[in-house]
Amino acid sequence: MKVVHPLIKLRQILLIPLALAALASTPVFAQPEIIIRQAPPPVRMEQVPMARPGYAWDNGHWRWDGRGYVWAPGHWQRMHHGGRWMPGHWEARGPNWYWIEGHWVR
């Protein structure tokens, strides 16, 4: 009969739930890739509000709702120290349009 050391058994018991939790977790900001064949309408001009300390303005943009484009108005993004806000935008690649999500750049 093979004897399993108690520490090895404990490690196996702890590793299994941790591995499953790591595989099951995804970042909150993960977005499915959006690919559209129809170009977005021209960007609307919005009046940018006065500067707000600790926030960066994120311009409005056209978003795809599954049936067509709808306008998403601009809003404030809380600043990340040492970062610069890169707004989301549509990018043409061949006949398709891809949405590139806004994000912070260091």
PDB file of N, CA and C in Angstrom:
ATOM      1  N   MET A   1       0.835  -1.174   0.000  1.00  0.00           N
ATOM      2  CA  MET A   1       0.000   0.000   0.000  1.00  0.00           C
ATOM      3  C   MET A   1       0.888   1.250   0.000  1.00  0.00           C
ATOM      4  N   LYS A   2       0.543   2.197  -0.904  1.00  0.00           N
ATOM      5  CA  LYS A   2       1.318   3.424  -1.048  1.00  0.00           C
ATOM      6  C   LYS A   2       0.820   4.451  -0.033  1.00  0.00           C
ATOM      7  N   VAL A   3       1.754   5.084   0.697  1.00  0.00           N
ATOM      8  CA  VAL A   3       1.410   6.098   1.696  1.00  0.00           C
ATOM      9  C   VAL A   3       1.655   7.473   1.075  1.00  0.00           C
ATOM     10  N   VAL A   4       0.633   8.330   1.109  1.00  0.00           N
ATOM     11  CA  VAL A   4       0.744   9.687   0.579  1.00  0.00           C
ATOM     12  C   VAL A   4       1.010  10.628   1.747  1.00  0.00           C
ATOM     13  N   HIS A   5       2.052  11.409   1.632  1.00  0.00           N
ATOM     14  CA  HIS A   5       2.409  12.364   2.678  1.00  0.00           C
ATOM     15  C   HIS A   5       1.276  13.368   2.849  1.00  0.00           C
ATOM     16  N   PRO A   6       0.915  13.726   4.085  1.00  0.00           N
ATOM     17  CA  PRO A   6      -0.205  14.645   4.317  1.00  0.00           C
ATOM     18  C   PRO A   6      -0.044  16.011   3.633  1.00  0.00           C
ATOM     19  N   LEU A   7       1.187  16.528   3.534  1.00  0.00           N
ATOM     20  CA  LEU A   7       1.387  17.823   2.874  1.00  0.00           C
ATOM     21  C   LEU A   7       1.104  17.739   1.384  1.00  0.00           C
ATOM     22  N   ILE A   8       1.468  16.640   0.754  1.00  0.00           N
ATOM     23  CA  ILE A   8       1.178  16.464  -0.677  1.00  0.00           C
ATOM     24  C   ILE A   8      -0.323  16.394  -0.890  1.00  0.00           C
ATOM     25  N   LYS A   9      -1.014  15.674  -0.037  1.00  0.00           N
ATOM     26  CA  LYS A   9      -2.471  15.560  -0.156  1.00  0.00           C
ATOM     27  C   LYS A   9      -3.128  16.932   0.039  1.00  0.00           C
ATOM     28  N   LEU A  10      -2.652  17.693   1.041  1.00  0.00           N
ATOM     29  CA  LEU A  10      -3.192  19.028   1.294  1.00  0.00           C
ATOM     30  C   LEU A  10      -2.943  19.946   0.102  1.00  0.00           C
ATOM     31  N   ARG A  11      -1.753  19.877  -0.478  1.00  0.00           N
ATOM     32  CA  ARG A  11      -1.425  20.703  -1.646  1.00  0.00           C
ATOM     33  C   ARG A  11      -2.352  20.377  -2.812  1.00  0.00           C
ATOM     34  N   GLN A  12      -2.617  19.107  -3.038  1.00  0.00           N
ATOM     35  CA  GLN A  12      -3.527  18.718  -4.127  1.00  0.00           C
ATOM     36  C   GLN A  12      -4.934  19.221  -3.865  1.00  0.00           C
ATOM     37  N   ILE A  13      -5.371  19.158  -2.622  1.00  0.00           N
ATOM     38  CA  ILE A  13      -6.718  19.621  -2.270  1.00  0.00           C
ATOM     39  C   ILE A  13      -6.838  21.130  -2.497  1.00  0.00           C
ATOM     40  N   LEU A  14      -5.788  21.878  -2.190  1.00  0.00           N
ATOM     41  CA  LEU A  14      -5.819  23.335  -2.364  1.00  0.00           C
ATOM     42  C   LEU A  14      -5.606  23.764  -3.808  1.00  0.00           C
ATOM     43  N   LEU A  15      -4.809  23.031  -4.553  1.00  0.00           N
ATOM     44  CA  LEU A  15      -4.499  23.417  -5.930  1.00  0.00           C
ATOM     45  C   LEU A  15      -5.691  23.288  -6.866  1.00  0.00           C
ATOM     46  N   ILE A  16      -6.495  22.284  -6.679  1.00  0.00           N
ATOM     47  CA  ILE A  16      -7.619  22.054  -7.599  1.00  0.00           C
ATOM     48  C   ILE A  16      -8.595  23.234  -7.591  1.00  0.00           C
ATOM     49  N   PRO A  17      -9.097  23.696  -6.432  1.00  0.00           N
ATOM     50  CA  PRO A  17     -10.013  24.853  -6.476  1.00  0.00           C
ATOM     51  C   PRO A  17      -9.346  26.119  -6.999  1.00  0.00           C
ATOM     52  N   LEU A  18      -8.068  26.319  -6.659  1.00  0.00           N
ATOM     53  CA  LEU A  18      -7.371  27.513  -7.155  1.00  0.00           C
ATOM     54  C   LEU A  18      -7.226  27.486  -8.670  1.00  0.00           C
ATOM     55  N   ALA A  19      -6.892  26.333  -9.209  1.00  0.00           N
ATOM     56  CA  ALA A  19      -6.759  26.207 -10.660  1.00  0.00           C
ATOM     57  C   ALA A  19      -8.101  26.436 -11.349  1.00  0.00           C
ATOM     58  N   LEU A  20      -9.161  25.892 -10.801  1.00  0.00           N
ATOM     59  CA  LEU A  20     -10.490  26.090 -11.397  1.00  0.00           C
ATOM     60  C   LEU A  20     -10.915  27.558 -11.319  1.00  0.00           C
ATOM     61  N   ALA A  21     -10.623  28.213 -10.192  1.00  0.00           N
ATOM     62  CA  ALA A  21     -10.972  29.627 -10.052  1.00  0.00           C
ATOM     63  C   ALA A  21     -10.191  30.475 -11.055  1.00  0.00           C
ATOM     64  N   ALA A  22      -8.917  30.167 -11.256  1.00  0.00           N
ATOM     65  CA  ALA A  22      -8.101  30.921 -12.215  1.00  0.00           C
ATOM     66  C   ALA A  22      -8.614  30.744 -13.630  1.00  0.00           C
ATOM     67  N   LEU A  23      -9.031  29.535 -13.972  1.00  0.00           N
ATOM     68  CA  LEU A  23      -9.542  29.292 -15.316  1.00  0.00           C
ATOM     69  C   LEU A  23     -10.901  29.940 -15.537  1.00  0.00           C
ATOM     70  N   ALA A  24     -11.714  29.983 -14.499  1.00  0.00           N
ATOM     71  CA  ALA A  24     -13.074  30.513 -14.634  1.00  0.00           C
ATOM     72  C   ALA A  24     -13.121  32.030 -14.596  1.00  0.00           C
ATOM     73  N   SER A  25     -12.112  32.662 -14.009  1.00  0.00           N
ATOM     74  CA  SER A  25     -12.171  34.119 -13.868  1.00  0.00           C
ATOM     75  C   SER A  25     -11.716  34.801 -15.146  1.00  0.00           C
ATOM     76  N   THR A  26     -12.438  35.852 -15.503  1.00  0.00           N
ATOM     77  CA  THR A  26     -12.061  36.697 -16.633  1.00  0.00           C
ATOM     78  C   THR A  26     -12.137  38.137 -16.167  1.00  0.00           C
ATOM     79  N   PRO A  27     -11.312  39.001 -16.716  1.00  0.00           N
ATOM     80  CA  PRO A  27     -11.363  40.407 -16.302  1.00  0.00           C
ATOM     81  C   PRO A  27     -12.722  41.017 -16.613  1.00  0.00           C
ATOM     82  N   VAL A  28     -13.157  41.924 -15.759  1.00  0.00           N
ATOM     83  CA  VAL A  28     -14.438  42.599 -15.946  1.00  0.00           C
ATOM     84  C   VAL A  28     -14.450  43.388 -17.246  1.00  0.00           C
ATOM     85  N   PHE A  29     -13.275  43.911 -17.639  1.00  0.00           N
ATOM     86  CA  PHE A  29     -13.202  44.755 -18.814  1.00  0.00           C
ATOM     87  C   PHE A  29     -13.130  43.963 -20.121  1.00  0.00           C
ATOM     88  N   ALA A  30     -13.065  42.645 -20.069  1.00  0.00           N
ATOM     89  CA  ALA A  30     -12.969  41.853 -21.293  1.00  0.00           C
ATOM     90  C   ALA A  30     -14.251  42.032 -22.118  1.00  0.00           C
ATOM     91  N   GLN A  31     -14.102  42.376 -23.352  1.00  0.00           N
ATOM     92  CA  GLN A  31     -15.229  42.598 -24.242  1.00  0.00           C
ATOM     93  C   GLN A  31     -15.118  41.650 -25.428  1.00  0.00           C
ATOM     94  N   PRO A  32     -16.236  41.139 -25.902  1.00  0.00           N
ATOM     95  CA  PRO A  32     -16.156  40.340 -27.121  1.00  0.00           C
ATOM     96  C   PRO A  32     -15.754  41.238 -28.287  1.00  0.00           C
ATOM     97  N   GLU A  33     -15.041  40.677 -29.238  1.00  0.00           N
ATOM     98  CA  GLU A  33     -14.619  41.458 -30.394  1.00  0.00           C
ATOM     99  C   GLU A  33     -15.842  41.766 -31.256  1.00  0.00           C
ATOM    100  N   ILE A  34     -15.988  43.024 -31.648  1.00  0.00           N
ATOM    101  CA  ILE A  34     -17.120  43.450 -32.474  1.00  0.00           C
ATOM    102  C   ILE A  34     -16.603  43.700 -33.881  1.00  0.00           C
ATOM    103  N   ILE A  35     -17.159  42.967 -34.843  1.00  0.00           N
ATOM    104  CA  ILE A  35     -16.768  43.100 -36.244  1.00  0.00           C
ATOM    105  C   ILE A  35     -18.035  43.355 -37.047  1.00  0.00           C
ATOM    106  N   ILE A  36     -18.055  44.461 -37.783  1.00  0.00           N
ATOM    107  CA  ILE A  36     -19.225  44.877 -38.554  1.00  0.00           C
ATOM    108  C   ILE A  36     -18.803  45.129 -39.992  1.00  0.00           C
ATOM    109  N   ARG A  37     -19.669  44.815 -40.943  1.00  0.00           N
ATOM    110  CA  ARG A  37     -19.369  45.098 -42.357  1.00  0.00           C
ATOM    111  C   ARG A  37     -19.816  46.499 -42.762  1.00  0.00           C
ATOM    112  N   GLN A  38     -20.708  47.101 -41.994  1.00  0.00           N
ATOM    113  CA  GLN A  38     -21.241  48.429 -42.315  1.00  0.00           C
ATOM    114  C   GLN A  38     -20.425  49.498 -41.592  1.00  0.00           C
ATOM    115  N   ALA A  39     -19.937  50.479 -42.318  1.00  0.00           N
ATOM    116  CA  ALA A  39     -19.161  51.570 -41.715  1.00  0.00           C
ATOM    117  C   ALA A  39     -20.027  52.372 -40.749  1.00  0.00           C
ATOM    118  N   PRO A  40     -19.435  52.869 -39.666  1.00  0.00           N
ATOM    119  CA  PRO A  40     -20.218  53.708 -38.746  1.00  0.00           C
ATOM    120  C   PRO A  40     -20.532  55.059 -39.388  1.00  0.00           C
ATOM    121  N   PRO A  41     -21.611  55.711 -38.944  1.00  0.00           N
ATOM    122  CA  PRO A  41     -21.915  57.056 -39.443  1.00  0.00           C
ATOM    123  C   PRO A  41     -20.811  58.033 -39.039  1.00  0.00           C
ATOM    124  N   PRO A  42     -20.806  59.222 -39.634  1.00  0.00           N
ATOM    125  CA  PRO A  42     -19.811  60.228 -39.223  1.00  0.00           C
ATOM    126  C   PRO A  42     -19.959  60.550 -37.732  1.00  0.00           C
ATOM    127  N   VAL A  43     -18.849  60.831 -37.093  1.00  0.00           N
ATOM    128  CA  VAL A  43     -18.855  61.142 -35.662  1.00  0.00           C
ATOM    129  C   VAL A  43     -19.621  62.433 -35.427  1.00  0.00           C
ATOM    130  N   ARG A  44     -20.427  62.459 -34.395  1.00  0.00           N
ATOM    131  CA  ARG A  44     -21.151  63.678 -34.014  1.00  0.00           C
ATOM    132  C   ARG A  44     -20.205  64.590 -33.251  1.00  0.00           C
ATOM    133  N   MET A  45     -20.375  65.870 -33.452  1.00  0.00           N
ATOM    134  CA  MET A  45     -19.585  66.839 -32.699  1.00  0.00           C
ATOM    135  C   MET A  45     -20.306  67.093 -31.383  1.00  0.00           C
ATOM    136  N   GLU A  46     -19.597  66.878 -30.297  1.00  0.00           N
ATOM    137  CA  GLU A  46     -20.138  67.138 -28.969  1.00  0.00           C
ATOM    138  C   GLU A  46     -19.333  68.267 -28.335  1.00  0.00           C
ATOM    139  N   GLN A  47     -19.988  69.071 -27.539  1.00  0.00           N
ATOM    140  CA  GLN A  47     -19.265  70.102 -26.812  1.00  0.00           C
ATOM    141  C   GLN A  47     -18.608  69.431 -25.613  1.00  0.00           C
ATOM    142  N   VAL A  48     -17.288  69.590 -25.523  1.00  0.00           N
ATOM    143  CA  VAL A  48     -16.542  69.004 -24.415  1.00  0.00           C
ATOM    144  C   VAL A  48     -16.722  69.904 -23.199  1.00  0.00           C
ATOM    145  N   PRO A  49     -17.160  69.335 -22.073  1.00  0.00           N
ATOM    146  CA  PRO A  49     -17.342  70.150 -20.866  1.00  0.00           C
ATOM    147  C   PRO A  49     -16.011  70.699 -20.353  1.00  0.00           C
ATOM    148  N   MET A  50     -16.087  71.657 -19.461  1.00  0.00           N
ATOM    149  CA  MET A  50     -14.879  72.206 -18.835  1.00  0.00           C
ATOM    150  C   MET A  50     -14.145  71.090 -18.104  1.00  0.00           C
ATOM    151  N   ALA A  51     -12.831  71.250 -18.026  1.00  0.00           N
ATOM    152  CA  ALA A  51     -11.982  70.239 -17.376  1.00  0.00           C
ATOM    153  C   ALA A  51     -12.491  69.932 -15.972  1.00  0.00           C
ATOM    154  N   ARG A  52     -12.368  68.670 -15.598  1.00  0.00           N
ATOM    155  CA  ARG A  52     -12.791  68.202 -14.281  1.00  0.00           C
ATOM    156  C   ARG A  52     -11.586  67.538 -13.615  1.00  0.00           C
ATOM    157  N   PRO A  53     -11.087  68.080 -12.526  1.00  0.00           N
ATOM    158  CA  PRO A  53      -9.887  67.519 -11.883  1.00  0.00           C
ATOM    159  C   PRO A  53     -10.069  66.036 -11.552  1.00  0.00           C
ATOM    160  N   GLY A  54      -9.058  65.246 -11.916  1.00  0.00           N
ATOM    161  CA  GLY A  54      -9.090  63.811 -11.612  1.00  0.00           C
ATOM    162  C   GLY A  54      -9.825  62.977 -12.635  1.00  0.00           C
ATOM    163  N   TYR A  55     -10.297  63.599 -13.733  1.00  0.00           N
ATOM    164  CA  TYR A  55     -11.059  62.875 -14.759  1.00  0.00           C
ATOM    165  C   TYR A  55     -10.584  63.248 -16.159  1.00  0.00           C
ATOM    166  N   ALA A  56     -10.770  62.339 -17.083  1.00  0.00           N
ATOM    167  CA  ALA A  56     -10.497  62.585 -18.502  1.00  0.00           C
ATOM    168  C   ALA A  56     -11.817  62.413 -19.254  1.00  0.00           C
ATOM    169  N   TRP A  57     -12.053  63.265 -20.237  1.00  0.00           N
ATOM    170  CA  TRP A  57     -13.277  63.194 -21.029  1.00  0.00           C
ATOM    171  C   TRP A  57     -13.142  62.112 -22.103  1.00  0.00           C
ATOM    172  N   ASP A  58     -14.118  61.240 -22.183  1.00  0.00           N
ATOM    173  CA  ASP A  58     -14.171  60.205 -23.217  1.00  0.00           C
ATOM    174  C   ASP A  58     -15.248  60.632 -24.205  1.00  0.00           C
ATOM    175  N   ASN A  59     -14.847  60.962 -25.438  1.00  0.00           N
ATOM    176  CA  ASN A  59     -15.785  61.450 -26.452  1.00  0.00           C
ATOM    177  C   ASN A  59     -16.876  60.425 -26.743  1.00  0.00           C
ATOM    178  N   GLY A  60     -18.007  60.941 -27.184  1.00  0.00           N
ATOM    179  CA  GLY A  60     -19.088  60.069 -27.614  1.00  0.00           C
ATOM    180  C   GLY A  60     -18.678  59.292 -28.865  1.00  0.00           C
ATOM    181  N   HIS A  61     -19.368  58.190 -29.125  1.00  0.00           N
ATOM    182  CA  HIS A  61     -19.034  57.361 -30.291  1.00  0.00           C
ATOM    183  C   HIS A  61     -20.265  56.543 -30.706  1.00  0.00           C
ATOM    184  N   TRP A  62     -20.190  56.030 -31.896  1.00  0.00           N
ATOM    185  CA  TRP A  62     -21.237  55.125 -32.359  1.00  0.00           C
ATOM    186  C   TRP A  62     -20.916  53.732 -31.842  1.00  0.00           C
ATOM    187  N   ARG A  63     -21.913  53.079 -31.243  1.00  0.00           N
ATOM    188  CA  ARG A  63     -21.720  51.696 -30.810  1.00  0.00           C
ATOM    189  C   ARG A  63     -22.729  50.822 -31.546  1.00  0.00           C
ATOM    190  N   TRP A  64     -22.383  49.584 -31.713  1.00  0.00           N
ATOM    191  CA  TRP A  64     -23.235  48.625 -32.415  1.00  0.00           C
ATOM    192  C   TRP A  64     -24.125  47.933 -31.396  1.00  0.00           C
ATOM    193  N   ASP A  65     -25.445  47.930 -31.616  1.00  0.00           N
ATOM    194  CA  ASP A  65     -26.351  47.293 -30.656  1.00  0.00           C
ATOM    195  C   ASP A  65     -26.887  45.952 -31.144  1.00  0.00           C
ATOM    196  N   GLY A  66     -26.284  45.419 -32.207  1.00  0.00           N
ATOM    197  CA  GLY A  66     -26.736  44.133 -32.740  1.00  0.00           C
ATOM    198  C   GLY A  66     -27.585  44.277 -33.993  1.00  0.00           C
ATOM    199  N   ARG A  67     -28.217  45.447 -34.156  1.00  0.00           N
ATOM    200  CA  ARG A  67     -29.055  45.686 -35.343  1.00  0.00           C
ATOM    201  C   ARG A  67     -28.615  46.919 -36.115  1.00  0.00           C
ATOM    202  N   GLY A  68     -27.908  47.794 -35.441  1.00  0.00           N
ATOM    203  CA  GLY A  68     -27.483  49.034 -36.071  1.00  0.00           C
ATOM    204  C   GLY A  68     -26.670  49.855 -35.100  1.00  0.00           C
ATOM    205  N   TYR A  69     -26.206  51.005 -35.582  1.00  0.00           N
ATOM    206  CA  TYR A  69     -25.407  51.902 -34.755  1.00  0.00           C
ATOM    207  C   TYR A  69     -26.318  52.794 -33.923  1.00  0.00           C
ATOM    208  N   VAL A  70     -25.937  53.001 -32.676  1.00  0.00           N
ATOM    209  CA  VAL A  70     -26.620  53.948 -31.797  1.00  0.00           C
ATOM    210  C   VAL A  70     -25.545  54.837 -31.172  1.00  0.00           C
ATOM    211  N   TRP A  71     -25.908  56.091 -30.915  1.00  0.00           N
ATOM    212  CA  TRP A  71     -24.946  57.030 -30.371  1.00  0.00           C
ATOM    213  C   TRP A  71     -24.802  56.832 -28.863  1.00  0.00           C
ATOM    214  N   ALA A  72     -23.558  56.727 -28.407  1.00  0.00           N
ATOM    215  CA  ALA A  72     -23.237  56.667 -26.979  1.00  0.00           C
ATOM    216  C   ALA A  72     -22.587  58.001 -26.626  1.00  0.00           C
ATOM    217  N   PRO A  73     -23.242  58.838 -25.832  1.00  0.00           N
ATOM    218  CA  PRO A  73     -22.690  60.158 -25.528  1.00  0.00           C
ATOM    219  C   PRO A  73     -21.398  60.084 -24.729  1.00  0.00           C
ATOM    220  N   GLY A  74     -20.617  61.162 -24.808  1.00  0.00           N
ATOM    221  CA  GLY A  74     -19.363  61.239 -24.062  1.00  0.00           C
ATOM    222  C   GLY A  74     -19.606  61.181 -22.564  1.00  0.00           C
ATOM    223  N   HIS A  75     -18.569  60.823 -21.834  1.00  0.00           N
ATOM    224  CA  HIS A  75     -18.662  60.730 -20.373  1.00  0.00           C
ATOM    225  C   HIS A  75     -17.267  60.874 -19.765  1.00  0.00           C
ATOM    226  N   TRP A  76     -17.224  61.056 -18.469  1.00  0.00           N
ATOM    227  CA  TRP A  76     -15.969  61.205 -17.753  1.00  0.00           C
ATOM    228  C   TRP A  76     -15.393  59.854 -17.366  1.00  0.00           C
ATOM    229  N   GLN A  77     -14.063  59.734 -17.483  1.00  0.00           N
ATOM    230  CA  GLN A  77     -13.321  58.550 -17.028  1.00  0.00           C
ATOM    231  C   GLN A  77     -12.437  58.982 -15.874  1.00  0.00           C
ATOM    232  N   ARG A  78     -12.493  58.254 -14.768  1.00  0.00           N
ATOM    233  CA  ARG A  78     -11.615  58.577 -13.633  1.00  0.00           C
ATOM    234  C   ARG A  78     -10.169  58.348 -14.053  1.00  0.00           C
ATOM    235  N   MET A  79      -9.303  59.323 -13.734  1.00  0.00           N
ATOM    236  CA  MET A  79      -7.884  59.259 -14.125  1.00  0.00           C
ATOM    237  C   MET A  79      -7.169  58.102 -13.441  1.00  0.00           C
ATOM    238  N   HIS A  80      -6.216  57.546 -14.165  1.00  0.00           N
ATOM    239  CA  HIS A  80      -5.285  56.564 -13.626  1.00  0.00           C
ATOM    240  C   HIS A  80      -3.940  57.270 -13.550  1.00  0.00           C
ATOM    241  N   HIS A  81      -3.303  57.215 -12.416  1.00  0.00           N
ATOM    242  CA  HIS A  81      -2.040  57.934 -12.230  1.00  0.00           C
ATOM    243  C   HIS A  81      -1.016  57.492 -13.265  1.00  0.00           C
ATOM    244  N   GLY A  82      -0.419  58.468 -13.925  1.00  0.00           N
ATOM    245  CA  GLY A  82       0.615  58.189 -14.913  1.00  0.00           C
ATOM    246  C   GLY A  82       0.058  57.658 -16.224  1.00  0.00           C
ATOM    247  N   GLY A  83      -1.254  57.759 -16.438  1.00  0.00           N
ATOM    248  CA  GLY A  83      -1.849  57.236 -17.663  1.00  0.00           C
ATOM    249  C   GLY A  83      -2.497  58.315 -18.504  1.00  0.00           C
ATOM    250  N   ARG A  84      -2.693  58.005 -19.754  1.00  0.00           N
ATOM    251  CA  ARG A  84      -3.373  58.894 -20.704  1.00  0.00           C
ATOM    252  C   ARG A  84      -4.500  58.084 -21.326  1.00  0.00           C
ATOM    253  N   TRP A  85      -5.704  58.662 -21.401  1.00  0.00           N
ATOM    254  CA  TRP A  85      -6.864  57.962 -21.936  1.00  0.00           C
ATOM    255  C   TRP A  85      -6.799  57.906 -23.458  1.00  0.00           C
ATOM    256  N   MET A  86      -6.860  56.704 -24.007  1.00  0.00           N
ATOM    257  CA  MET A  86      -6.922  56.491 -25.453  1.00  0.00           C
ATOM    258  C   MET A  86      -8.378  56.128 -25.765  1.00  0.00           C
ATOM    259  N   PRO A  87      -9.121  57.039 -26.417  1.00  0.00           N
ATOM    260  CA  PRO A  87     -10.549  56.787 -26.654  1.00  0.00           C
ATOM    261  C   PRO A  87     -10.788  55.587 -27.569  1.00  0.00           C
ATOM    262  N   GLY A  88     -11.921  54.950 -27.371  1.00  0.00           N
ATOM    263  CA  GLY A  88     -12.328  53.861 -28.252  1.00  0.00           C
ATOM    264  C   GLY A  88     -12.593  54.414 -29.646  1.00  0.00           C
ATOM    265  N   HIS A  89     -12.454  53.550 -30.650  1.00  0.00           N
ATOM    266  CA  HIS A  89     -12.684  54.003 -32.032  1.00  0.00           C
ATOM    267  C   HIS A  89     -12.926  52.799 -32.949  1.00  0.00           C
ATOM    268  N   TRP A  90     -13.555  53.084 -34.066  1.00  0.00           N
ATOM    269  CA  TRP A  90     -13.768  52.075 -35.101  1.00  0.00           C
ATOM    270  C   TRP A  90     -12.572  52.081 -36.027  1.00  0.00           C
ATOM    271  N   GLU A  91     -12.140  50.895 -36.434  1.00  0.00           N
ATOM    272  CA  GLU A  91     -10.989  50.756 -37.316  1.00  0.00           C
ATOM    273  C   GLU A  91     -11.382  49.877 -38.500  1.00  0.00           C
ATOM    274  N   ALA A  92     -11.113  50.376 -39.717  1.00  0.00           N
ATOM    275  CA  ALA A  92     -11.410  49.601 -40.922  1.00  0.00           C
ATOM    276  C   ALA A  92     -10.263  48.643 -41.211  1.00  0.00           C
ATOM    277  N   ARG A  93     -10.615  47.392 -41.477  1.00  0.00           N
ATOM    278  CA  ARG A  93      -9.643  46.375 -41.904  1.00  0.00           C
ATOM    279  C   ARG A  93     -10.297  45.610 -43.050  1.00  0.00           C
ATOM    280  N   GLY A  94      -9.893  45.951 -44.263  1.00  0.00           N
ATOM    281  CA  GLY A  94     -10.546  45.347 -45.427  1.00  0.00           C
ATOM    282  C   GLY A  94     -11.995  45.786 -45.464  1.00  0.00           C
ATOM    283  N   PRO A  95     -12.932  44.849 -45.695  1.00  0.00           N
ATOM    284  CA  PRO A  95     -14.347  45.229 -45.757  1.00  0.00           C
ATOM    285  C   PRO A  95     -15.010  45.319 -44.381  1.00  0.00           C
ATOM    286  N   ASN A  96     -14.276  44.995 -43.317  1.00  0.00           N
ATOM    287  CA  ASN A  96     -14.857  44.947 -41.975  1.00  0.00           C
ATOM    288  C   ASN A  96     -14.452  46.149 -41.129  1.00  0.00           C
ATOM    289  N   TRP A  97     -15.284  46.449 -40.133  1.00  0.00           N
ATOM    290  CA  TRP A  97     -15.021  47.499 -39.156  1.00  0.00           C
ATOM    291  C   TRP A  97     -14.922  46.849 -37.793  1.00  0.00           C
ATOM    292  N   TYR A  98     -13.850  47.171 -37.062  1.00  0.00           N
ATOM    293  CA  TYR A  98     -13.594  46.599 -35.743  1.00  0.00           C
ATOM    294  C   TYR A  98     -13.666  47.702 -34.692  1.00  0.00           C
ATOM    295  N   TRP A  99     -14.309  47.417 -33.562  1.00  0.00           N
ATOM    296  CA  TRP A  99     -14.339  48.371 -32.460  1.00  0.00           C
ATOM    297  C   TRP A  99     -13.126  48.121 -31.579  1.00  0.00           C
ATOM    298  N   ILE A 100     -12.320  49.167 -31.367  1.00  0.00           N
ATOM    299  CA  ILE A 100     -11.169  49.122 -30.472  1.00  0.00           C
ATOM    300  C   ILE A 100     -11.600  49.844 -29.195  1.00  0.00           C
ATOM    301  N   GLU A 101     -11.699  49.118 -28.104  1.00  0.00           N
ATOM    302  CA  GLU A 101     -12.177  49.663 -26.833  1.00  0.00           C
ATOM    303  C   GLU A 101     -11.226  50.722 -26.295  1.00  0.00           C
ATOM    304  N   GLY A 102     -11.770  51.771 -25.674  1.00  0.00           N
ATOM    305  CA  GLY A 102     -10.951  52.794 -25.030  1.00  0.00           C
ATOM    306  C   GLY A 102     -10.164  52.178 -23.883  1.00  0.00           C
ATOM    307  N   HIS A 103      -8.977  52.721 -23.633  1.00  0.00           N
ATOM    308  CA  HIS A 103      -8.132  52.164 -22.568  1.00  0.00           C
ATOM    309  C   HIS A 103      -7.090  53.186 -22.131  1.00  0.00           C
ATOM    310  N   TRP A 104      -6.463  52.917 -20.999  1.00  0.00           N
ATOM    311  CA  TRP A 104      -5.424  53.782 -20.456  1.00  0.00           C
ATOM    312  C   TRP A 104      -4.071  53.351 -20.980  1.00  0.00           C
ATOM    313  N   VAL A 105      -3.253  54.326 -21.377  1.00  0.00           N
ATOM    314  CA  VAL A 105      -1.911  54.081 -21.893  1.00  0.00           C
ATOM    315  C   VAL A 105      -0.926  54.739 -20.937  1.00  0.00           C
ATOM    316  N   ARG A 106       0.138  54.043 -20.633  1.00  0.00           N
ATOM    317  CA  ARG A 106       1.177  54.622 -19.745  1.00  0.00           C
ATOM    318  C   ARG A 106       2.305  55.191 -20.551  1.00  0.00           C
TER     319      ARG A 106
END
